[in-house]
Amino acid sequence: MSKPCPICGRPPVDDFKPFCSRRCKTVDLNRWLSEGYRIPVADDWDEDPEAPPPQRPN
């Protein structure tokens, strides 16, 4: 069983997976383009703009 459409909750359609329609696919794209969705970033290395980003522990 597949997950429901992340926008409206209806079952997904193969042509638009993971969405149920072109409308829901467009709504999601618009949210990304208008910065409705954001990926969090760490702002703690802004002391030296030339310094490389900090390494993440494994």
N, C-alpha and C. Protein backbone atom coordinates (compact mmCIF):
# COMPACT_ATOMS: atom_id res chain seq x y z
N MET A 1 0.85 -1.19 0.00
CA MET A 1 0.00 0.00 0.00
C MET A 1 0.89 1.24 0.00
N SER A 2 0.58 2.23 -0.86
CA SER A 2 1.38 3.44 -0.92
C SER A 2 0.89 4.49 0.08
N LYS A 3 1.78 5.43 0.32
CA LYS A 3 1.45 6.53 1.22
C LYS A 3 0.46 7.46 0.52
N PRO A 4 -0.38 8.15 1.28
CA PRO A 4 -1.32 9.09 0.67
C PRO A 4 -0.62 10.32 0.12
N CYS A 5 -1.29 11.04 -0.71
CA CYS A 5 -0.79 12.29 -1.28
C CYS A 5 -0.39 13.22 -0.13
N PRO A 6 0.83 13.78 -0.15
CA PRO A 6 1.27 14.63 0.94
C PRO A 6 0.52 15.97 1.02
N ILE A 7 -0.20 16.34 -0.01
CA ILE A 7 -0.92 17.61 -0.02
C ILE A 7 -2.35 17.44 0.49
N CYS A 8 -3.08 16.47 -0.06
CA CYS A 8 -4.51 16.36 0.29
C CYS A 8 -4.89 15.06 0.99
N GLY A 9 -4.01 14.05 0.96
CA GLY A 9 -4.29 12.80 1.66
C GLY A 9 -5.00 11.74 0.84
N ARG A 10 -5.32 12.03 -0.41
CA ARG A 10 -5.96 11.02 -1.26
C ARG A 10 -4.92 10.02 -1.75
N PRO A 11 -5.37 8.87 -2.27
CA PRO A 11 -4.41 7.89 -2.80
C PRO A 11 -3.65 8.45 -4.00
N PRO A 12 -2.36 8.12 -4.14
CA PRO A 12 -1.57 8.63 -5.26
C PRO A 12 -1.97 7.98 -6.58
N VAL A 13 -1.68 8.69 -7.67
CA VAL A 13 -1.93 8.21 -9.03
C VAL A 13 -0.56 8.02 -9.68
N ASP A 14 -0.38 6.91 -10.41
CA ASP A 14 0.93 6.58 -10.99
C ASP A 14 1.54 7.72 -11.79
N ASP A 15 0.75 8.45 -12.56
CA ASP A 15 1.28 9.54 -13.40
C ASP A 15 1.84 10.70 -12.58
N PHE A 16 1.42 10.85 -11.32
CA PHE A 16 1.82 12.00 -10.51
C PHE A 16 2.46 11.62 -9.19
N LYS A 17 2.84 10.36 -9.01
CA LYS A 17 3.37 9.90 -7.72
C LYS A 17 4.47 10.80 -7.22
N PRO A 18 4.47 11.14 -5.97
CA PRO A 18 3.66 10.65 -4.86
C PRO A 18 2.35 11.41 -4.69
N PHE A 19 1.99 12.24 -5.67
CA PHE A 19 0.78 13.05 -5.58
C PHE A 19 -0.40 12.35 -6.25
N CYS A 20 -1.60 12.91 -6.03
CA CYS A 20 -2.80 12.30 -6.60
C CYS A 20 -3.24 13.00 -7.89
N SER A 21 -2.70 14.19 -8.15
CA SER A 21 -3.13 14.95 -9.32
C SER A 21 -2.07 15.97 -9.71
N ARG A 22 -2.24 16.54 -10.89
CA ARG A 22 -1.34 17.61 -11.34
C ARG A 22 -1.48 18.82 -10.41
N ARG A 23 -2.68 19.08 -9.93
CA ARG A 23 -2.89 20.20 -9.03
C ARG A 23 -2.05 20.07 -7.77
N CYS A 24 -2.10 18.91 -7.11
CA CYS A 24 -1.32 18.70 -5.88
C CYS A 24 0.18 18.77 -6.16
N LYS A 25 0.60 18.28 -7.30
CA LYS A 25 2.01 18.35 -7.69
C LYS A 25 2.43 19.81 -7.85
N THR A 26 1.58 20.62 -8.47
CA THR A 26 1.86 22.04 -8.67
C THR A 26 1.85 22.81 -7.36
N VAL A 27 0.93 22.47 -6.47
CA VAL A 27 0.88 23.11 -5.14
C VAL A 27 2.19 22.87 -4.41
N ASP A 28 2.70 21.64 -4.44
CA ASP A 28 3.95 21.31 -3.78
C ASP A 28 5.12 22.07 -4.39
N LEU A 29 5.19 22.12 -5.72
CA LEU A 29 6.25 22.86 -6.39
C LEU A 29 6.20 24.34 -6.01
N ASN A 30 5.02 24.91 -5.97
CA ASN A 30 4.87 26.31 -5.60
C ASN A 30 5.35 26.55 -4.17
N ARG A 31 5.10 25.62 -3.27
CA ARG A 31 5.57 25.78 -1.89
C ARG A 31 7.10 25.81 -1.83
N TRP A 32 7.75 24.97 -2.65
CA TRP A 32 9.21 25.00 -2.69
C TRP A 32 9.71 26.31 -3.29
N LEU A 33 9.13 26.73 -4.40
CA LEU A 33 9.60 27.93 -5.09
C LEU A 33 9.33 29.21 -4.31
N SER A 34 8.28 29.24 -3.52
CA SER A 34 7.97 30.43 -2.73
C SER A 34 8.55 30.34 -1.32
N GLU A 35 9.43 29.36 -1.11
CA GLU A 35 10.12 29.13 0.15
C GLU A 35 9.16 28.80 1.29
N GLY A 36 8.05 28.16 0.96
CA GLY A 36 7.14 27.65 1.98
C GLY A 36 7.76 26.48 2.71
N TYR A 37 8.60 25.74 2.01
CA TYR A 37 9.37 24.66 2.61
C TYR A 37 10.81 25.16 2.69
N ARG A 38 11.47 24.87 3.78
CA ARG A 38 12.87 25.27 3.93
C ARG A 38 13.65 24.14 4.56
N ILE A 39 14.87 24.00 4.13
CA ILE A 39 15.78 23.01 4.70
C ILE A 39 16.61 23.75 5.75
N PRO A 40 16.56 23.31 7.01
CA PRO A 40 17.29 24.03 8.05
C PRO A 40 18.80 23.93 7.85
N VAL A 41 19.49 25.01 8.17
CA VAL A 41 20.95 25.05 8.09
C VAL A 41 21.50 25.59 9.39
N ALA A 42 22.73 25.25 9.68
CA ALA A 42 23.39 25.76 10.87
C ALA A 42 24.12 27.05 10.50
N ASP A 43 23.93 28.09 11.29
CA ASP A 43 24.56 29.37 11.04
C ASP A 43 25.74 29.63 11.98
N ASP A 44 26.35 28.59 12.51
CA ASP A 44 27.38 28.78 13.52
C ASP A 44 28.79 28.92 12.95
N TRP A 45 29.00 28.92 11.66
CA TRP A 45 30.35 29.07 11.11
C TRP A 45 30.50 30.37 10.34
N ASP A 46 29.73 31.38 10.71
CA ASP A 46 29.78 32.65 10.00
C ASP A 46 30.89 33.60 10.50
N GLU A 47 31.74 33.16 11.46
CA GLU A 47 32.80 34.02 11.95
C GLU A 47 33.83 34.33 10.87
N ASP A 48 34.21 33.33 10.07
CA ASP A 48 35.19 33.51 9.01
C ASP A 48 34.58 33.03 7.70
N PRO A 49 34.16 33.95 6.82
CA PRO A 49 33.49 33.53 5.59
C PRO A 49 34.38 32.70 4.66
N GLU A 50 35.70 32.78 4.84
CA GLU A 50 36.62 32.01 4.01
C GLU A 50 36.86 30.60 4.55
N ALA A 51 36.45 30.35 5.78
CA ALA A 51 36.69 29.05 6.40
C ALA A 51 35.76 28.00 5.79
N PRO A 52 36.24 26.76 5.66
CA PRO A 52 35.37 25.70 5.15
C PRO A 52 34.29 25.35 6.17
N PRO A 53 33.18 24.78 5.72
CA PRO A 53 32.13 24.39 6.66
C PRO A 53 32.65 23.34 7.64
N PRO A 54 32.09 23.31 8.85
CA PRO A 54 32.56 22.34 9.84
C PRO A 54 32.26 20.91 9.40
N GLN A 55 33.11 19.99 9.81
CA GLN A 55 32.91 18.57 9.49
C GLN A 55 31.91 17.97 10.45
N ARG A 56 31.05 17.13 9.94
CA ARG A 56 30.08 16.44 10.80
C ARG A 56 30.70 15.15 11.30
N PRO A 57 30.47 14.83 12.58
CA PRO A 57 31.01 13.56 13.09
C PRO A 57 30.31 12.37 12.45
N ASN A 58 31.04 11.31 12.26
CA ASN A 58 30.46 10.10 11.63
C ASN A 58 29.74 9.26 12.61
